[in-house]
Amino acid sequence: MPTHAMPPRCYEFQYPELDTLILVEASEAGVTIRATCDTFSEQRKRSFIHELAAEGFIPEDYEWRSQAGSDWSHGVRWLVDISWLRIDPAVTAIARRFMVRLLAGGFLLWFALMAGLFLFAAR
């Protein structure tokens, strides 16, 4: 009988005071936590895992493992990785449109000022 692996469950967390975004992936193989910056201390990492397990984001056995001491990271991988961040194509299109308009407006203003300068100097 073929077994189907469950896809990982993903959760995103924001810590604006630390300027850090976190992606938590919980799967049968373990828990992978991807952070944009290495801003968490070891104690804060333990507390974060404990909170995740207590709230039901990851299996509850991690809740007690995180408080046990030396073997708290078994099954949990912490990575500093920004590859999971994706910019929405709609946001990119809006920014591109704004920049084209800004540069075109700046060029037209520069051209008008230069034309005025040459016309005034010709008199």
PDB file of N, CA and C in Angstrom:
ATOM      1  N   MET A   1       0.846  -1.171   0.000  1.00  0.00           N
ATOM      2  CA  MET A   1       0.000   0.000   0.000  1.00  0.00           C
ATOM      3  C   MET A   1       0.889   1.232   0.000  1.00  0.00           C
ATOM      4  N   PRO A   2       0.753   2.106  -1.003  1.00  0.00           N
ATOM      5  CA  PRO A   2       1.602   3.298  -1.055  1.00  0.00           C
ATOM      6  C   PRO A   2       1.192   4.308   0.014  1.00  0.00           C
ATOM      7  N   THR A   3       2.198   4.884   0.621  1.00  0.00           N
ATOM      8  CA  THR A   3       1.929   5.930   1.602  1.00  0.00           C
ATOM      9  C   THR A   3       2.273   7.268   0.981  1.00  0.00           C
ATOM     10  N   HIS A   4       1.522   8.247   1.329  1.00  0.00           N
ATOM     11  CA  HIS A   4       1.734   9.590   0.808  1.00  0.00           C
ATOM     12  C   HIS A   4       2.307  10.462   1.918  1.00  0.00           C
ATOM     13  N   ALA A   5       3.397  11.095   1.616  1.00  0.00           N
ATOM     14  CA  ALA A   5       4.008  11.999   2.589  1.00  0.00           C
ATOM     15  C   ALA A   5       3.179  13.279   2.662  1.00  0.00           C
ATOM     16  N   MET A   6       2.964  13.712   3.866  1.00  0.00           N
ATOM     17  CA  MET A   6       2.198  14.947   4.058  1.00  0.00           C
ATOM     18  C   MET A   6       3.065  16.138   3.669  1.00  0.00           C
ATOM     19  N   PRO A   7       2.508  17.099   2.965  1.00  0.00           N
ATOM     20  CA  PRO A   7       3.298  18.283   2.647  1.00  0.00           C
ATOM     21  C   PRO A   7       3.583  19.081   3.917  1.00  0.00           C
ATOM     22  N   PRO A   8       4.693  19.778   3.941  1.00  0.00           N
ATOM     23  CA  PRO A   8       5.015  20.546   5.156  1.00  0.00           C
ATOM     24  C   PRO A   8       4.011  21.668   5.372  1.00  0.00           C
ATOM     25  N   ARG A   9       3.699  21.898   6.624  1.00  0.00           N
ATOM     26  CA  ARG A   9       2.851  23.033   6.988  1.00  0.00           C
ATOM     27  C   ARG A   9       3.774  24.218   7.233  1.00  0.00           C
ATOM     28  N   CYS A  10       3.450  25.346   6.638  1.00  0.00           N
ATOM     29  CA  CYS A  10       4.315  26.524   6.722  1.00  0.00           C
ATOM     30  C   CYS A  10       3.585  27.656   7.431  1.00  0.00           C
ATOM     31  N   TYR A  11       4.319  28.331   8.299  1.00  0.00           N
ATOM     32  CA  TYR A  11       3.793  29.475   9.035  1.00  0.00           C
ATOM     33  C   TYR A  11       4.839  30.584   8.999  1.00  0.00           C
ATOM     34  N   GLU A  12       4.367  31.808   8.825  1.00  0.00           N
ATOM     35  CA  GLU A  12       5.268  32.963   8.806  1.00  0.00           C
ATOM     36  C   GLU A  12       5.034  33.813  10.046  1.00  0.00           C
ATOM     37  N   PHE A  13       6.121  34.302  10.622  1.00  0.00           N
ATOM     38  CA  PHE A  13       6.074  35.169  11.785  1.00  0.00           C
ATOM     39  C   PHE A  13       6.939  36.392  11.516  1.00  0.00           C
ATOM     40  N   GLN A  14       6.512  37.530  12.050  1.00  0.00           N
ATOM     41  CA  GLN A  14       7.259  38.779  11.893  1.00  0.00           C
ATOM     42  C   GLN A  14       7.671  39.300  13.266  1.00  0.00           C
ATOM     43  N   TYR A  15       8.902  39.760  13.333  1.00  0.00           N
ATOM     44  CA  TYR A  15       9.428  40.412  14.531  1.00  0.00           C
ATOM     45  C   TYR A  15      10.001  41.760  14.103  1.00  0.00           C
ATOM     46  N   PRO A  16       9.142  42.790  13.988  1.00  0.00           N
ATOM     47  CA  PRO A  16       9.625  44.087  13.496  1.00  0.00           C
ATOM     48  C   PRO A  16      10.678  44.727  14.401  1.00  0.00           C
ATOM     49  N   GLU A  17      10.599  44.484  15.705  1.00  0.00           N
ATOM     50  CA  GLU A  17      11.579  45.086  16.612  1.00  0.00           C
ATOM     51  C   GLU A  17      12.972  44.503  16.394  1.00  0.00           C
ATOM     52  N   LEU A  18      13.045  43.275  15.861  1.00  0.00           N
ATOM     53  CA  LEU A  18      14.326  42.650  15.539  1.00  0.00           C
ATOM     54  C   LEU A  18      14.632  42.710  14.047  1.00  0.00           C
ATOM     55  N   ASP A  19      13.711  43.239  13.261  1.00  0.00           N
ATOM     56  CA  ASP A  19      13.831  43.292  11.801  1.00  0.00           C
ATOM     57  C   ASP A  19      14.069  41.890  11.244  1.00  0.00           C
ATOM     58  N   THR A  20      13.231  40.948  11.692  1.00  0.00           N
ATOM     59  CA  THR A  20      13.385  39.549  11.321  1.00  0.00           C
ATOM     60  C   THR A  20      12.044  38.960  10.906  1.00  0.00           C
ATOM     61  N   LEU A  21      12.068  38.209   9.823  1.00  0.00           N
ATOM     62  CA  LEU A  21      10.932  37.409   9.393  1.00  0.00           C
ATOM     63  C   LEU A  21      11.314  35.948   9.572  1.00  0.00           C
ATOM     64  N   ILE A  22      10.341  35.124   9.993  1.00  0.00           N
ATOM     65  CA  ILE A  22      10.614  33.718  10.260  1.00  0.00           C
ATOM     66  C   ILE A  22       9.589  32.871   9.532  1.00  0.00           C
ATOM     67  N   LEU A  23      10.071  31.812   8.881  1.00  0.00           N
ATOM     68  CA  LEU A  23       9.219  30.817   8.250  1.00  0.00           C
ATOM     69  C   LEU A  23       9.437  29.500   8.978  1.00  0.00           C
ATOM     70  N   VAL A  24       8.349  28.924   9.499  1.00  0.00           N
ATOM     71  CA  VAL A  24       8.411  27.648  10.197  1.00  0.00           C
ATOM     72  C   VAL A  24       7.767  26.600   9.302  1.00  0.00           C
ATOM     73  N   GLU A  25       8.520  25.547   8.993  1.00  0.00           N
ATOM     74  CA  GLU A  25       8.020  24.431   8.185  1.00  0.00           C
ATOM     75  C   GLU A  25       7.994  23.191   9.069  1.00  0.00           C
ATOM     76  N   ALA A  26       6.803  22.682   9.314  1.00  0.00           N
ATOM     77  CA  ALA A  26       6.651  21.483  10.126  1.00  0.00           C
ATOM     78  C   ALA A  26       6.268  20.332   9.215  1.00  0.00           C
ATOM     79  N   SER A  27       7.076  19.270   9.224  1.00  0.00           N
ATOM     80  CA  SER A  27       6.794  18.078   8.415  1.00  0.00           C
ATOM     81  C   SER A  27       7.059  16.852   9.271  1.00  0.00           C
ATOM     82  N   GLU A  28       6.855  15.677   8.674  1.00  0.00           N
ATOM     83  CA  GLU A  28       7.103  14.432   9.408  1.00  0.00           C
ATOM     84  C   GLU A  28       8.585  14.259   9.725  1.00  0.00           C
ATOM     85  N   ALA A  29       9.454  14.822   8.889  1.00  0.00           N
ATOM     86  CA  ALA A  29      10.893  14.687   9.082  1.00  0.00           C
ATOM     87  C   ALA A  29      11.425  15.568  10.205  1.00  0.00           C
ATOM     88  N   GLY A  30      10.719  16.594  10.559  1.00  0.00           N
ATOM     89  CA  GLY A  30      11.178  17.503  11.597  1.00  0.00           C
ATOM     90  C   GLY A  30      10.671  18.906  11.344  1.00  0.00           C
ATOM     91  N   VAL A  31      11.259  19.841  12.037  1.00  0.00           N
ATOM     92  CA  VAL A  31      10.863  21.241  11.948  1.00  0.00           C
ATOM     93  C   VAL A  31      12.048  22.034  11.413  1.00  0.00           C
ATOM     94  N   THR A  32      11.784  22.837  10.377  1.00  0.00           N
ATOM     95  CA  THR A  32      12.805  23.732   9.834  1.00  0.00           C
ATOM     96  C   THR A  32      12.348  25.156  10.068  1.00  0.00           C
ATOM     97  N   ILE A  33      13.215  25.939  10.675  1.00  0.00           N
ATOM     98  CA  ILE A  33      12.914  27.340  10.947  1.00  0.00           C
ATOM     99  C   ILE A  33      13.897  28.176  10.153  1.00  0.00           C
ATOM    100  N   ARG A  34      13.370  29.000   9.255  1.00  0.00           N
ATOM    101  CA  ARG A  34      14.197  29.869   8.421  1.00  0.00           C
ATOM    102  C   ARG A  34      13.987  31.313   8.882  1.00  0.00           C
ATOM    103  N   ALA A  35      15.069  31.970   9.212  1.00  0.00           N
ATOM    104  CA  ALA A  35      15.020  33.352   9.665  1.00  0.00           C
ATOM    105  C   ALA A  35      15.801  34.226   8.690  1.00  0.00           C
ATOM    106  N   THR A  36      15.377  35.468   8.534  1.00  0.00           N
ATOM    107  CA  THR A  36      16.081  36.377   7.638  1.00  0.00           C
ATOM    108  C   THR A  36      17.360  36.911   8.269  1.00  0.00           C
ATOM    109  N   CYS A  37      17.436  36.928   9.596  1.00  0.00           N
ATOM    110  CA  CYS A  37      18.635  37.391  10.310  1.00  0.00           C
ATOM    111  C   CYS A  37      18.881  36.473  11.505  1.00  0.00           C
ATOM    112  N   ASP A  38      20.111  36.438  11.970  1.00  0.00           N
ATOM    113  CA  ASP A  38      20.448  35.644  13.142  1.00  0.00           C
ATOM    114  C   ASP A  38      20.349  36.547  14.377  1.00  0.00           C
ATOM    115  N   THR A  39      19.107  36.831  14.781  1.00  0.00           N
ATOM    116  CA  THR A  39      18.887  37.772  15.875  1.00  0.00           C
ATOM    117  C   THR A  39      18.374  37.108  17.143  1.00  0.00           C
ATOM    118  N   PHE A  40      18.155  35.793  17.128  1.00  0.00           N
ATOM    119  CA  PHE A  40      17.630  35.099  18.297  1.00  0.00           C
ATOM    120  C   PHE A  40      18.773  34.469  19.080  1.00  0.00           C
ATOM    121  N   SER A  41      18.756  34.657  20.383  1.00  0.00           N
ATOM    122  CA  SER A  41      19.728  33.983  21.248  1.00  0.00           C
ATOM    123  C   SER A  41      19.283  32.535  21.422  1.00  0.00           C
ATOM    124  N   GLU A  42      20.155  31.718  22.012  1.00  0.00           N
ATOM    125  CA  GLU A  42      19.805  30.310  22.237  1.00  0.00           C
ATOM    126  C   GLU A  42      18.572  30.190  23.133  1.00  0.00           C
ATOM    127  N   GLN A  43      18.512  31.010  24.180  1.00  0.00           N
ATOM    128  CA  GLN A  43      17.354  30.968  25.087  1.00  0.00           C
ATOM    129  C   GLN A  43      16.087  31.400  24.361  1.00  0.00           C
ATOM    130  N   ARG A  44      16.184  32.405  23.510  1.00  0.00           N
ATOM    131  CA  ARG A  44      15.007  32.868  22.761  1.00  0.00           C
ATOM    132  C   ARG A  44      14.563  31.804  21.751  1.00  0.00           C
ATOM    133  N   LYS A  45      15.505  31.086  21.164  1.00  0.00           N
ATOM    134  CA  LYS A  45      15.158  29.990  20.251  1.00  0.00           C
ATOM    135  C   LYS A  45      14.393  28.907  20.995  1.00  0.00           C
ATOM    136  N   ARG A  46      14.866  28.550  22.189  1.00  0.00           N
ATOM    137  CA  ARG A  46      14.164  27.548  22.998  1.00  0.00           C
ATOM    138  C   ARG A  46      12.755  28.018  23.333  1.00  0.00           C
ATOM    139  N   SER A  47      12.635  29.258  23.718  1.00  0.00           N
ATOM    140  CA  SER A  47      11.316  29.804  24.066  1.00  0.00           C
ATOM    141  C   SER A  47      10.402  29.842  22.850  1.00  0.00           C
ATOM    142  N   PHE A  48      10.948  30.181  21.702  1.00  0.00           N
ATOM    143  CA  PHE A  48      10.162  30.237  20.471  1.00  0.00           C
ATOM    144  C   PHE A  48       9.628  28.847  20.117  1.00  0.00           C
ATOM    145  N   ILE A  49      10.477  27.827  20.213  1.00  0.00           N
ATOM    146  CA  ILE A  49      10.043  26.462  19.934  1.00  0.00           C
ATOM    147  C   ILE A  49       8.983  26.025  20.940  1.00  0.00           C
ATOM    148  N   HIS A  50       9.184  26.370  22.206  1.00  0.00           N
ATOM    149  CA  HIS A  50       8.206  26.040  23.247  1.00  0.00           C
ATOM    150  C   HIS A  50       6.859  26.695  22.932  1.00  0.00           C
ATOM    151  N   GLU A  51       6.878  27.965  22.520  1.00  0.00           N
ATOM    152  CA  GLU A  51       5.640  28.679  22.171  1.00  0.00           C
ATOM    153  C   GLU A  51       4.971  28.061  20.945  1.00  0.00           C
ATOM    154  N   LEU A  52       5.766  27.699  19.939  1.00  0.00           N
ATOM    155  CA  LEU A  52       5.208  27.075  18.738  1.00  0.00           C
ATOM    156  C   LEU A  52       4.491  25.772  19.078  1.00  0.00           C
ATOM    157  N   ALA A  53       5.110  24.952  19.918  1.00  0.00           N
ATOM    158  CA  ALA A  53       4.507  23.682  20.302  1.00  0.00           C
ATOM    159  C   ALA A  53       3.270  23.904  21.171  1.00  0.00           C
ATOM    160  N   ALA A  54       3.340  24.864  22.072  1.00  0.00           N
ATOM    161  CA  ALA A  54       2.209  25.137  22.955  1.00  0.00           C
ATOM    162  C   ALA A  54       0.996  25.640  22.173  1.00  0.00           C
ATOM    163  N   GLU A  55       1.244  26.383  21.098  1.00  0.00           N
ATOM    164  CA  GLU A  55       0.153  26.917  20.286  1.00  0.00           C
ATOM    165  C   GLU A  55      -0.313  25.957  19.201  1.00  0.00           C
ATOM    166  N   GLY A  56       0.367  24.823  19.025  1.00  0.00           N
ATOM    167  CA  GLY A  56      -0.073  23.815  18.072  1.00  0.00           C
ATOM    168  C   GLY A  56       0.478  23.962  16.666  1.00  0.00           C
ATOM    169  N   PHE A  57       1.464  24.803  16.469  1.00  0.00           N
ATOM    170  CA  PHE A  57       2.070  24.958  15.145  1.00  0.00           C
ATOM    171  C   PHE A  57       2.971  23.770  14.798  1.00  0.00           C
ATOM    172  N   ILE A  58       3.610  23.211  15.810  1.00  0.00           N
ATOM    173  CA  ILE A  58       4.478  22.045  15.624  1.00  0.00           C
ATOM    174  C   ILE A  58       4.039  20.984  16.639  1.00  0.00           C
ATOM    175  N   PRO A  59       4.462  19.722  16.474  1.00  0.00           N
ATOM    176  CA  PRO A  59       4.047  18.677  17.427  1.00  0.00           C
ATOM    177  C   PRO A  59       4.419  19.029  18.870  1.00  0.00           C
ATOM    178  N   GLU A  60       3.558  18.608  19.783  1.00  0.00           N
ATOM    179  CA  GLU A  60       3.707  19.035  21.180  1.00  0.00           C
ATOM    180  C   GLU A  60       4.910  18.423  21.894  1.00  0.00           C
ATOM    181  N   ASP A  61       5.514  17.353  21.353  1.00  0.00           N
ATOM    182  CA  ASP A  61       6.695  16.810  22.021  1.00  0.00           C
ATOM    183  C   ASP A  61       7.877  17.778  21.967  1.00  0.00           C
ATOM    184  N   TYR A  62       7.874  18.724  21.033  1.00  0.00           N
ATOM    185  CA  TYR A  62       8.924  19.748  20.981  1.00  0.00           C
ATOM    186  C   TYR A  62       8.807  20.721  22.153  1.00  0.00           C
ATOM    187  N   GLU A  63       7.616  20.845  22.700  1.00  0.00           N
ATOM    188  CA  GLU A  63       7.421  21.761  23.832  1.00  0.00           C
ATOM    189  C   GLU A  63       8.284  21.347  25.013  1.00  0.00           C
ATOM    190  N   TRP A  64       8.343  20.055  25.288  1.00  0.00           N
ATOM    191  CA  TRP A  64       9.120  19.575  26.430  1.00  0.00           C
ATOM    192  C   TRP A  64      10.579  19.395  26.074  1.00  0.00           C
ATOM    193  N   ARG A  65      10.851  19.063  24.817  1.00  0.00           N
ATOM    194  CA  ARG A  65      12.248  18.951  24.387  1.00  0.00           C
ATOM    195  C   ARG A  65      12.961  20.290  24.479  1.00  0.00           C
ATOM    196  N   SER A  66      12.249  21.368  24.173  1.00  0.00           N
ATOM    197  CA  SER A  66      12.884  22.689  24.174  1.00  0.00           C
ATOM    198  C   SER A  66      13.285  23.121  25.576  1.00  0.00           C
ATOM    199  N   GLN A  67      12.609  22.594  26.595  1.00  0.00           N
ATOM    200  CA  GLN A  67      12.924  22.963  27.971  1.00  0.00           C
ATOM    201  C   GLN A  67      13.881  21.971  28.637  1.00  0.00           C
ATOM    202  N   ALA A  68      14.180  20.858  27.950  1.00  0.00           N
ATOM    203  CA  ALA A  68      14.974  19.787  28.565  1.00  0.00           C
ATOM    204  C   ALA A  68      16.437  20.156  28.759  1.00  0.00           C
ATOM    205  N   GLY A  69      16.983  20.952  27.877  1.00  0.00           N
ATOM    206  CA  GLY A  69      18.386  21.309  28.059  1.00  0.00           C
ATOM    207  C   GLY A  69      19.207  21.058  26.827  1.00  0.00           C
ATOM    208  N   SER A  70      20.163  20.142  26.928  1.00  0.00           N
ATOM    209  CA  SER A  70      21.185  19.985  25.899  1.00  0.00           C
ATOM    210  C   SER A  70      20.648  19.458  24.572  1.00  0.00           C
ATOM    211  N   ASP A  71      19.653  18.573  24.584  1.00  0.00           N
ATOM    212  CA  ASP A  71      19.178  17.958  23.346  1.00  0.00           C
ATOM    213  C   ASP A  71      17.938  18.671  22.805  1.00  0.00           C
ATOM    214  N   TRP A  72      17.827  19.944  23.038  1.00  0.00           N
ATOM    215  CA  TRP A  72      16.616  20.664  22.640  1.00  0.00           C
ATOM    216  C   TRP A  72      16.482  20.806  21.136  1.00  0.00           C
ATOM    217  N   SER A  73      17.579  20.783  20.403  1.00  0.00           N
ATOM    218  CA  SER A  73      17.507  21.059  18.969  1.00  0.00           C
ATOM    219  C   SER A  73      17.317  19.805  18.131  1.00  0.00           C
ATOM    220  N   HIS A  74      17.157  18.637  18.735  1.00  0.00           N
ATOM    221  CA  HIS A  74      16.966  17.401  17.975  1.00  0.00           C
ATOM    222  C   HIS A  74      15.656  17.493  17.172  1.00  0.00           C
ATOM    223  N   GLY A  75      15.777  17.412  15.849  1.00  0.00           N
ATOM    224  CA  GLY A  75      14.606  17.504  14.989  1.00  0.00           C
ATOM    225  C   GLY A  75      14.268  18.910  14.551  1.00  0.00           C
ATOM    226  N   VAL A  76      15.000  19.901  15.045  1.00  0.00           N
ATOM    227  CA  VAL A  76      14.756  21.300  14.682  1.00  0.00           C
ATOM    228  C   VAL A  76      15.998  21.840  13.988  1.00  0.00           C
ATOM    229  N   ARG A  77      15.815  22.390  12.809  1.00  0.00           N
ATOM    230  CA  ARG A  77      16.935  23.015  12.080  1.00  0.00           C
ATOM    231  C   ARG A  77      16.672  24.511  11.981  1.00  0.00           C
ATOM    232  N   TRP A  78      17.624  25.292  12.464  1.00  0.00           N
ATOM    233  CA  TRP A  78      17.567  26.749  12.334  1.00  0.00           C
ATOM    234  C   TRP A  78      18.459  27.149  11.176  1.00  0.00           C
ATOM    235  N   LEU A  79      17.914  27.901  10.241  1.00  0.00           N
ATOM    236  CA  LEU A  79      18.671  28.380   9.093  1.00  0.00           C
ATOM    237  C   LEU A  79      18.505  29.882   8.954  1.00  0.00           C
ATOM    238  N   VAL A  80      19.584  30.553   8.612  1.00  0.00           N
ATOM    239  CA  VAL A  80      19.493  31.958   8.217  1.00  0.00           C
ATOM    240  C   VAL A  80      19.435  31.940   6.702  1.00  0.00           C
ATOM    241  N   ASP A  81      18.247  32.223   6.175  1.00  0.00           N
ATOM    242  CA  ASP A  81      17.993  32.020   4.755  1.00  0.00           C
ATOM    243  C   ASP A  81      16.926  33.008   4.290  1.00  0.00           C
ATOM    244  N   ILE A  82      17.222  33.733   3.213  1.00  0.00           N
ATOM    245  CA  ILE A  82      16.225  34.670   2.676  1.00  0.00           C
ATOM    246  C   ILE A  82      15.664  34.200   1.344  1.00  0.00           C
ATOM    247  N   SER A  83      16.024  32.987   0.927  1.00  0.00           N
ATOM    248  CA  SER A  83      15.577  32.510  -0.380  1.00  0.00           C
ATOM    249  C   SER A  83      14.069  32.277  -0.436  1.00  0.00           C
ATOM    250  N   TRP A  84      13.413  32.116   0.683  1.00  0.00           N
ATOM    251  CA  TRP A  84      11.977  31.868   0.705  1.00  0.00           C
ATOM    252  C   TRP A  84      11.159  33.144   0.533  1.00  0.00           C
ATOM    253  N   LEU A  85      11.793  34.290   0.648  1.00  0.00           N
ATOM    254  CA  LEU A  85      11.078  35.553   0.465  1.00  0.00           C
ATOM    255  C   LEU A  85      10.837  35.793  -1.019  1.00  0.00           C
ATOM    256  N   ARG A  86       9.640  36.108  -1.376  1.00  0.00           N
ATOM    257  CA  ARG A  86       9.276  36.382  -2.761  1.00  0.00           C
ATOM    258  C   ARG A  86       8.573  37.727  -2.825  1.00  0.00           C
ATOM    259  N   ILE A  87       8.937  38.525  -3.821  1.00  0.00           N
ATOM    260  CA  ILE A  87       8.284  39.805  -4.029  1.00  0.00           C
ATOM    261  C   ILE A  87       7.119  39.583  -4.974  1.00  0.00           C
ATOM    262  N   ASP A  88       5.975  40.100  -4.597  1.00  0.00           N
ATOM    263  CA  ASP A  88       4.769  39.956  -5.402  1.00  0.00           C
ATOM    264  C   ASP A  88       4.968  40.650  -6.746  1.00  0.00           C
ATOM    265  N   PRO A  89       4.668  39.992  -7.864  1.00  0.00           N
ATOM    266  CA  PRO A  89       4.829  40.614  -9.181  1.00  0.00           C
ATOM    267  C   PRO A  89       4.004  41.896  -9.346  1.00  0.00           C
ATOM    268  N   ALA A  90       2.873  41.993  -8.670  1.00  0.00           N
ATOM    269  CA  ALA A  90       2.057  43.208  -8.755  1.00  0.00           C
ATOM    270  C   ALA A  90       2.802  44.393  -8.128  1.00  0.00           C
ATOM    271  N   VAL A  91       3.498  44.152  -7.033  1.00  0.00           N
ATOM    272  CA  VAL A  91       4.269  45.215  -6.382  1.00  0.00           C
ATOM    273  C   VAL A  91       5.426  45.649  -7.279  1.00  0.00           C
ATOM    274  N   THR A  92       6.076  44.694  -7.919  1.00  0.00           N
ATOM    275  CA  THR A  92       7.166  45.010  -8.845  1.00  0.00           C
ATOM    276  C   THR A  92       6.655  45.838 -10.017  1.00  0.00           C
ATOM    277  N   ALA A  93       5.484  45.501 -10.538  1.00  0.00           N
ATOM    278  CA  ALA A  93       4.907  46.254 -11.657  1.00  0.00           C
ATOM    279  C   ALA A  93       4.566  47.683 -11.251  1.00  0.00           C
ATOM    280  N   ILE A  94       4.025  47.861 -10.061  1.00  0.00           N
ATOM    281  CA  ILE A  94       3.692  49.211  -9.581  1.00  0.00           C
ATOM    282  C   ILE A  94       4.965  50.032  -9.413  1.00  0.00           C
ATOM    283  N   ALA A  95       5.993  49.445  -8.829  1.00  0.00           N
ATOM    284  CA  ALA A  95       7.258  50.162  -8.632  1.00  0.00           C
ATOM    285  C   ALA A  95       7.904  50.508  -9.972  1.00  0.00           C
ATOM    286  N   ARG A  96       7.869  49.584 -10.921  1.00  0.00           N
ATOM    287  CA  ARG A  96       8.442  49.840 -12.242  1.00  0.00           C
ATOM    288  C   ARG A  96       7.698  50.985 -12.934  1.00  0.00           C
ATOM    289  N   ARG A  97       6.364  50.969 -12.886  1.00  0.00           N
ATOM    290  CA  ARG A  97       5.564  52.030 -13.491  1.00  0.00           C
ATOM    291  C   ARG A  97       5.880  53.384 -12.856  1.00  0.00           C
ATOM    292  N   PHE A  98       6.002  53.416 -11.526  1.00  0.00           N
ATOM    293  CA  PHE A  98       6.329  54.651 -10.826  1.00  0.00           C
ATOM    294  C   PHE A  98       7.691  55.184 -11.255  1.00  0.00           C
ATOM    295  N   MET A  99       8.683  54.304 -11.325  1.00  0.00           N
ATOM    296  CA  MET A  99      10.030  54.743 -11.692  1.00  0.00           C
ATOM    297  C   MET A  99      10.091  55.236 -13.134  1.00  0.00           C
ATOM    298  N   VAL A 100       9.384  54.583 -14.046  1.00  0.00           N
ATOM    299  CA  VAL A 100       9.364  55.046 -15.440  1.00  0.00           C
ATOM    300  C   VAL A 100       8.754  56.430 -15.514  1.00  0.00           C
ATOM    301  N   ARG A 101       7.650  56.634 -14.815  1.00  0.00           N
ATOM    302  CA  ARG A 101       7.010  57.965 -14.811  1.00  0.00           C
ATOM    303  C   ARG A 101       7.916  59.012 -14.178  1.00  0.00           C
ATOM    304  N   LEU A 102       8.584  58.644 -13.079  1.00  0.00           N
ATOM    305  CA  LEU A 102       9.475  59.587 -12.404  1.00  0.00           C
ATOM    306  C   LEU A 102      10.645  59.977 -13.297  1.00  0.00           C
ATOM    307  N   LEU A 103      11.270  58.996 -13.929  1.00  0.00           N
ATOM    308  CA  LEU A 103      12.406  59.290 -14.808  1.00  0.00           C
ATOM    309  C   LEU A 103      11.971  60.066 -16.053  1.00  0.00           C
ATOM    310  N   ALA A 104      10.827  59.714 -16.633  1.00  0.00           N
ATOM    311  CA  ALA A 104      10.329  60.442 -17.798  1.00  0.00           C
ATOM    312  C   ALA A 104       9.987  61.883 -17.423  1.00  0.00           C
ATOM    313  N   GLY A 105       9.358  62.072 -16.272  1.00  0.00           N
ATOM    314  CA  GLY A 105       9.046  63.429 -15.808  1.00  0.00           C
ATOM    315  C   GLY A 105      10.307  64.238 -15.544  1.00  0.00           C
ATOM    316  N   GLY A 106      11.310  63.606 -14.931  1.00  0.00           N
ATOM    317  CA  GLY A 106      12.577  64.286 -14.684  1.00  0.00           C
ATOM    318  C   GLY A 106      13.278  64.669 -15.980  1.00  0.00           C
ATOM    319  N   PHE A 107      13.247  63.783 -16.967  1.00  0.00           N
ATOM    320  CA  PHE A 107      13.856  64.089 -18.254  1.00  0.00           C
ATOM    321  C   PHE A 107      13.121  65.245 -18.945  1.00  0.00           C
ATOM    322  N   LEU A 108      11.800  65.217 -18.919  1.00  0.00           N
ATOM    323  CA  LEU A 108      11.032  66.305 -19.538  1.00  0.00           C
ATOM    324  C   LEU A 108      11.288  67.634 -18.842  1.00  0.00           C
ATOM    325  N   LEU A 109      11.379  67.635 -17.536  1.00  0.00           N
ATOM    326  CA  LEU A 109      11.692  68.861 -16.791  1.00  0.00           C
ATOM    327  C   LEU A 109      13.091  69.348 -17.148  1.00  0.00           C
ATOM    328  N   TRP A 110      14.076  68.449 -17.192  1.00  0.00           N
ATOM    329  CA  TRP A 110      15.439  68.822 -17.564  1.00  0.00           C
ATOM    330  C   TRP A 110      15.473  69.395 -18.977  1.00  0.00           C
ATOM    331  N   PHE A 111      14.768  68.752 -19.897  1.00  0.00           N
ATOM    332  CA  PHE A 111      14.736  69.217 -21.284  1.00  0.00           C
ATOM    333  C   PHE A 111      14.108  70.606 -21.373  1.00  0.00           C
ATOM    334  N   ALA A 112      13.014  70.830 -20.636  1.00  0.00           N
ATOM    335  CA  ALA A 112      12.366  72.149 -20.648  1.00  0.00           C
ATOM    336  C   ALA A 112      13.292  73.207 -20.064  1.00  0.00           C
ATOM    337  N   LEU A 113      13.989  72.898 -18.985  1.00  0.00           N
ATOM    338  CA  LEU A 113      14.913  73.863 -18.386  1.00  0.00           C
ATOM    339  C   LEU A 113      16.084  74.165 -19.322  1.00  0.00           C
ATOM    340  N   MET A 114      16.622  73.156 -19.982  1.00  0.00           N
ATOM    341  CA  MET A 114      17.727  73.376 -20.921  1.00  0.00           C
ATOM    342  C   MET A 114      17.264  74.186 -22.129  1.00  0.00           C
ATOM    343  N   ALA A 115      16.057  73.904 -22.626  1.00  0.00           N
ATOM    344  CA  ALA A 115      15.527  74.674 -23.760  1.00  0.00           C
ATOM    345  C   ALA A 115      15.322  76.119 -23.346  1.00  0.00           C
ATOM    346  N   GLY A 116      14.784  76.331 -22.145  1.00  0.00           N
ATOM    347  CA  GLY A 116      14.608  77.703 -21.654  1.00  0.00           C
ATOM    348  C   GLY A 116      15.948  78.415 -21.494  1.00  0.00           C
ATOM    349  N   LEU A 117      16.937  77.727 -21.002  1.00  0.00           N
ATOM    350  CA  LEU A 117      18.269  78.307 -20.823  1.00  0.00           C
ATOM    351  C   LEU A 117      18.876  78.724 -22.165  1.00  0.00           C
ATOM    352  N   PHE A 118      18.792  77.849 -23.176  1.00  0.00           N
ATOM    353  CA  PHE A 118      19.362  78.177 -24.494  1.00  0.00           C
ATOM    354  C   PHE A 118      18.575  79.283 -25.172  1.00  0.00           C
ATOM    355  N   LEU A 119      17.238  79.303 -25.013  1.00  0.00           N
ATOM    356  CA  LEU A 119      16.444  80.369 -25.628  1.00  0.00           C
ATOM    357  C   LEU A 119      16.731  81.711 -24.956  1.00  0.00           C
ATOM    358  N   PHE A 120      16.888  81.693 -23.621  1.00  0.00           N
ATOM    359  CA  PHE A 120      17.189  82.928 -22.907  1.00  0.00           C
ATOM    360  C   PHE A 120      18.601  83.426 -23.224  1.00  0.00           C
ATOM    361  N   ALA A 121      19.556  82.512 -23.414  1.00  0.00           N
ATOM    362  CA  ALA A 121      20.927  82.891 -23.710  1.00  0.00           C
ATOM    363  C   ALA A 121      21.051  83.394 -25.147  1.00  0.00           C
ATOM    364  N   ALA A 122      20.177  82.971 -26.027  1.00  0.00           N
ATOM    365  CA  ALA A 122      20.243  83.396 -27.442  1.00  0.00           C
ATOM    366  C   ALA A 122      19.767  84.834 -27.605  1.00  0.00           C
ATOM    367  N   ARG A 123      19.051  85.407 -26.722  1.00  0.00           N
ATOM    368  CA  ARG A 123      18.539  86.771 -26.838  1.00  0.00           C
ATOM    369  C   ARG A 123      19.596  87.767 -26.559  1.00  0.00           C
TER     370      ARG A 123
END
